[in-house]
N, C-alpha and C. Protein backbone atom coordinates (compact mmCIF):
# COMPACT_ATOMS: atom_id res chain seq x y z
N MET A 1 119.61 132.27 164.16
CA MET A 1 119.87 133.32 164.91
C MET A 1 119.13 134.24 164.76
N ALA A 2 118.46 135.23 164.23
CA ALA A 2 117.95 136.62 163.41
C ALA A 2 116.08 136.31 164.48
N ASN A 3 115.46 135.18 164.09
CA ASN A 3 114.38 135.11 164.25
C ASN A 3 114.33 135.45 166.22
N VAL A 4 115.44 134.66 167.25
CA VAL A 4 115.97 134.98 168.37
C VAL A 4 116.29 135.86 167.81
N ARG A 5 116.50 136.94 167.81
CA ARG A 5 117.28 138.62 168.09
C ARG A 5 115.95 139.78 168.05
N TRP A 6 115.36 138.54 167.08
CA TRP A 6 114.35 139.63 166.95
C TRP A 6 112.58 139.31 167.98
N LEU A 7 112.41 137.86 168.47
CA LEU A 7 111.96 137.40 169.56
C LEU A 7 112.11 137.93 171.32
N ALA A 8 114.12 138.58 171.17
CA ALA A 8 114.19 138.71 172.84
C ALA A 8 113.81 140.23 172.29
N GLY A 9 113.74 140.74 171.72
CA GLY A 9 112.61 142.61 171.46
C GLY A 9 112.25 142.40 172.72
N TYR A 10 111.12 141.43 172.62
CA TYR A 10 109.46 141.56 173.08
C TYR A 10 109.87 140.03 174.91
N ARG A 11 110.93 140.25 175.05
CA ARG A 11 111.00 140.50 176.12
C ARG A 11 110.66 140.59 177.84
N HIS A 12 111.14 141.60 177.70
CA HIS A 12 110.31 142.89 178.22
C HIS A 12 108.78 142.33 179.28
N PRO A 13 108.75 142.49 180.94
CA PRO A 13 107.91 142.28 181.55
C PRO A 13 106.01 142.75 180.73
N ARG A 14 106.69 144.34 180.13
CA ARG A 14 105.60 144.70 179.70
C ARG A 14 105.37 143.95 178.71
N TYR A 15 105.52 143.33 177.81
CA TYR A 15 104.68 142.38 176.49
C TYR A 15 103.69 141.37 177.12
N ALA A 16 103.79 141.58 178.18
CA ALA A 16 103.77 139.45 178.57
C ALA A 16 102.12 139.64 178.01
N ALA A 17 101.43 138.82 177.87
CA ALA A 17 99.70 138.87 177.97
C ALA A 17 98.56 139.17 178.61
N GLY A 18 99.45 139.56 179.94
CA GLY A 18 98.23 139.96 180.62
C GLY A 18 97.47 139.37 180.54
N GLN A 19 96.06 140.08 180.15
CA GLN A 19 95.04 140.18 179.40
C GLN A 19 94.47 138.85 178.24
N TRP A 20 95.00 138.98 177.70
CA TRP A 20 95.49 137.92 176.48
C TRP A 20 95.74 136.39 176.74
N THR A 21 96.60 136.66 178.09
CA THR A 21 96.82 135.34 178.20
C THR A 21 95.48 134.19 177.89
N PRO A 22 94.93 133.85 178.60
CA PRO A 22 93.87 132.71 178.72
C PRO A 22 93.09 132.77 176.98
N ALA A 23 93.09 133.99 176.50
CA ALA A 23 92.69 134.03 174.77
C ALA A 23 93.79 133.12 174.06
N LEU A 24 94.84 133.44 174.04
CA LEU A 24 95.84 132.96 173.67
C LEU A 24 96.05 131.56 173.80
N LEU A 25 95.84 131.14 174.91
CA LEU A 25 95.97 129.54 175.23
C LEU A 25 95.21 128.85 174.68
N GLN A 26 93.98 129.38 174.29
CA GLN A 26 92.98 128.75 173.56
C GLN A 26 93.28 129.33 171.77
N VAL A 27 93.18 130.49 171.59
CA VAL A 27 93.36 130.24 170.14
C VAL A 27 94.66 129.18 169.84
N PHE A 28 95.61 129.36 170.48
CA PHE A 28 96.14 128.06 170.10
C PHE A 28 96.62 126.45 170.63
N ALA A 29 95.60 126.31 170.93
CA ALA A 29 95.37 124.68 171.79
C ALA A 29 95.42 123.74 170.41
N SER A 30 94.98 124.74 168.97
CA SER A 30 95.63 123.43 167.71
C SER A 30 96.98 124.36 166.98
N ALA A 31 97.76 123.88 166.80
CA ALA A 31 98.36 124.84 165.86
C ALA A 31 97.69 125.39 164.56
N ARG A 32 98.61 126.34 164.57
CA ARG A 32 97.91 127.47 163.16
C ARG A 32 98.55 128.86 162.80
N PRO A 33 98.50 129.11 161.70
CA PRO A 33 99.46 130.18 161.33
C PRO A 33 98.62 131.17 162.40
N ALA A 34 99.69 132.03 162.67
CA ALA A 34 100.13 132.48 163.67
C ALA A 34 98.70 134.31 163.32
N VAL A 35 98.86 135.00 161.69
CA VAL A 35 98.30 136.35 161.60
C VAL A 35 96.23 135.60 162.29
N GLU A 36 96.00 134.26 161.43
CA GLU A 36 95.12 133.59 161.49
C GLU A 36 94.55 133.67 162.95
N ALA A 37 94.91 133.77 163.87
CA ALA A 37 94.62 133.57 165.59
C ALA A 37 94.70 135.11 166.18
N VAL A 38 95.63 136.12 165.51
CA VAL A 38 95.71 137.57 166.17
C VAL A 38 94.96 138.12 165.57
N HIS A 39 94.89 137.79 163.90
CA HIS A 39 93.05 138.62 163.53
C HIS A 39 92.28 137.88 164.60
N GLU A 40 92.02 136.96 164.66
CA GLU A 40 90.66 136.93 165.94
C GLU A 40 90.44 136.98 166.83
N LEU A 41 91.93 137.01 167.86
CA LEU A 41 91.59 137.49 169.16
C LEU A 41 91.30 139.56 168.85
N GLY A 42 91.52 139.79 168.00
CA GLY A 42 91.23 141.92 168.06
C GLY A 42 91.90 142.64 167.51
N ASP A 43 92.73 143.86 168.56
CA ASP A 43 93.80 144.71 167.46
C ASP A 43 94.70 144.18 167.58
N PRO A 44 95.19 143.75 165.93
CA PRO A 44 96.15 143.61 165.68
C PRO A 44 97.53 143.89 166.65
N ILE A 45 98.12 145.20 167.00
CA ILE A 45 98.53 145.75 167.30
C ILE A 45 98.78 145.41 168.64
N ALA A 46 98.12 145.20 169.35
CA ALA A 46 98.20 144.54 170.51
C ALA A 46 98.60 143.39 170.79
N VAL A 47 97.80 142.62 170.11
CA VAL A 47 98.04 141.10 170.32
C VAL A 47 99.43 140.90 169.95
N TRP A 48 99.73 140.71 168.76
CA TRP A 48 100.88 141.22 168.70
C TRP A 48 102.43 140.70 169.12
N LEU A 49 101.59 142.19 170.02
CA LEU A 49 102.61 142.33 171.24
C LEU A 49 103.00 140.80 171.90
N ALA A 50 101.89 140.38 172.14
CA ALA A 50 101.62 139.17 173.38
C ALA A 50 102.43 137.71 172.61
N VAL A 51 102.05 138.39 171.54
CA VAL A 51 102.48 136.51 170.72
C VAL A 51 103.87 136.21 170.78
N PHE A 52 104.46 137.54 170.45
CA PHE A 52 106.06 137.68 170.72
C PHE A 52 106.42 137.47 171.61
N HIS A 53 105.50 138.06 172.99
CA HIS A 53 106.54 137.42 173.92
C HIS A 53 106.06 136.02 175.00
N ALA A 54 104.93 135.26 173.94
CA ALA A 54 104.50 133.96 174.90
C ALA A 54 104.85 133.23 174.15
N LEU A 55 105.97 133.29 172.04
CA LEU A 55 106.91 133.18 172.29
C LEU A 55 108.64 132.81 172.42
N TRP A 56 109.03 134.19 173.45
CA TRP A 56 110.22 134.16 174.07
C TRP A 56 109.77 133.98 175.08
N SER A 57 109.06 134.07 176.02
CA SER A 57 109.29 133.26 177.12
C SER A 57 108.48 131.54 177.06
N GLY A 58 108.05 131.08 176.04
CA GLY A 58 108.13 128.83 175.96
C GLY A 58 106.94 129.17 176.24
N VAL A 59 105.99 130.28 176.12
CA VAL A 59 104.57 129.61 176.42
C VAL A 59 103.70 129.73 174.51
N LEU A 60 104.53 130.27 173.67
CA LEU A 60 103.84 129.26 172.89
C LEU A 60 105.61 128.98 172.08
N ARG A 61 105.01 127.91 170.91
CA ARG A 61 106.34 127.65 170.03
C ARG A 61 106.21 127.31 168.16
N VAL A 62 107.35 128.08 168.13
CA VAL A 62 107.51 127.79 166.89
C VAL A 62 108.72 127.07 165.90
N ARG A 63 108.74 127.72 164.87
CA ARG A 63 110.05 126.81 164.24
C ARG A 63 110.89 127.99 164.35
N LEU A 64 111.95 127.35 165.03
CA LEU A 64 112.87 128.95 164.76
C LEU A 64 113.88 129.02 163.58
N ASP A 65 113.93 127.23 162.90
CA ASP A 65 114.94 127.39 161.62
C ASP A 65 114.31 127.54 160.71
N GLU A 66 113.37 128.50 160.38
CA GLU A 66 112.80 128.55 159.42
C GLU A 66 112.55 130.35 159.68
N PRO A 67 112.81 130.85 158.51
CA PRO A 67 111.94 132.79 158.55
C PRO A 67 110.83 132.49 159.49
N LEU A 68 110.45 133.43 160.74
CA LEU A 68 109.68 133.49 161.32
C LEU A 68 108.41 135.00 160.44
N HIS A 69 107.27 134.08 160.15
CA HIS A 69 107.14 135.46 159.18
C HIS A 69 105.29 135.47 159.87
N GLU A 70 104.85 135.96 159.48
CA GLU A 70 103.01 136.11 160.29
C GLU A 70 102.01 134.67 159.60
N ARG A 71 102.52 133.57 158.56
CA ARG A 71 101.64 133.25 158.61
C ARG A 71 102.27 131.41 158.81
N ALA A 72 103.63 131.61 160.07
CA ALA A 72 104.58 130.93 161.08
C ALA A 72 103.02 130.13 161.73
N VAL A 73 103.33 128.91 161.74
CA VAL A 73 102.23 128.28 162.51
C VAL A 73 102.89 127.77 164.18
N VAL A 74 102.57 128.66 164.61
CA VAL A 74 102.11 128.88 165.84
C VAL A 74 101.22 127.23 167.38
N CYS A 75 102.15 126.94 168.11
CA CYS A 75 101.19 126.15 168.51
C CYS A 75 101.43 126.63 170.09
N LEU A 76 100.70 125.34 171.00
CA LEU A 76 100.93 126.25 172.50
C LEU A 76 102.07 125.23 172.76
N ALA A 77 102.89 125.52 173.94
CA ALA A 77 104.52 125.14 174.49
C ALA A 77 103.95 123.99 174.20
N ARG A 78 103.33 123.23 175.58
CA ARG A 78 102.79 121.38 175.36
C ARG A 78 102.78 120.43 174.86
N GLN A 79 101.97 121.38 173.50
CA GLN A 79 101.71 120.21 172.53
C GLN A 79 102.59 119.90 171.80
N GLU A 80 103.91 120.82 172.12
CA GLU A 80 104.64 120.40 171.07
C GLU A 80 105.49 118.32 171.98
N ALA A 81 105.79 119.50 173.37
CA ALA A 81 105.59 118.70 174.44
C ALA A 81 105.26 117.07 174.39
N GLU A 82 103.82 116.98 174.32
CA GLU A 82 103.34 115.67 174.22
C GLU A 82 103.29 114.90 172.79
N ALA A 83 103.75 115.61 171.41
CA ALA A 83 104.19 115.11 170.58
C ALA A 83 104.84 114.25 169.95
N ALA A 84 106.01 114.36 171.29
CA ALA A 84 107.46 114.46 171.21
C ALA A 84 107.68 112.68 171.71
């Protein structure tokens, strides 16, 4: 529940990826630790907000049954569906 409460704080549209959307989709095309992708994209403060919103909105996926941390493996939501 702690992970869901944390991500809920980023549900407001002001945190939407906007300019980061294409880059987020590309950088998470393969599952990888979130921190690696964030640093690859640029300004961590702006990018983390977009990542958290994308996780909340279901664009990106992360395991919520484990503590959320910077090295948590994140992927596109459609990848998870295709693997099932």
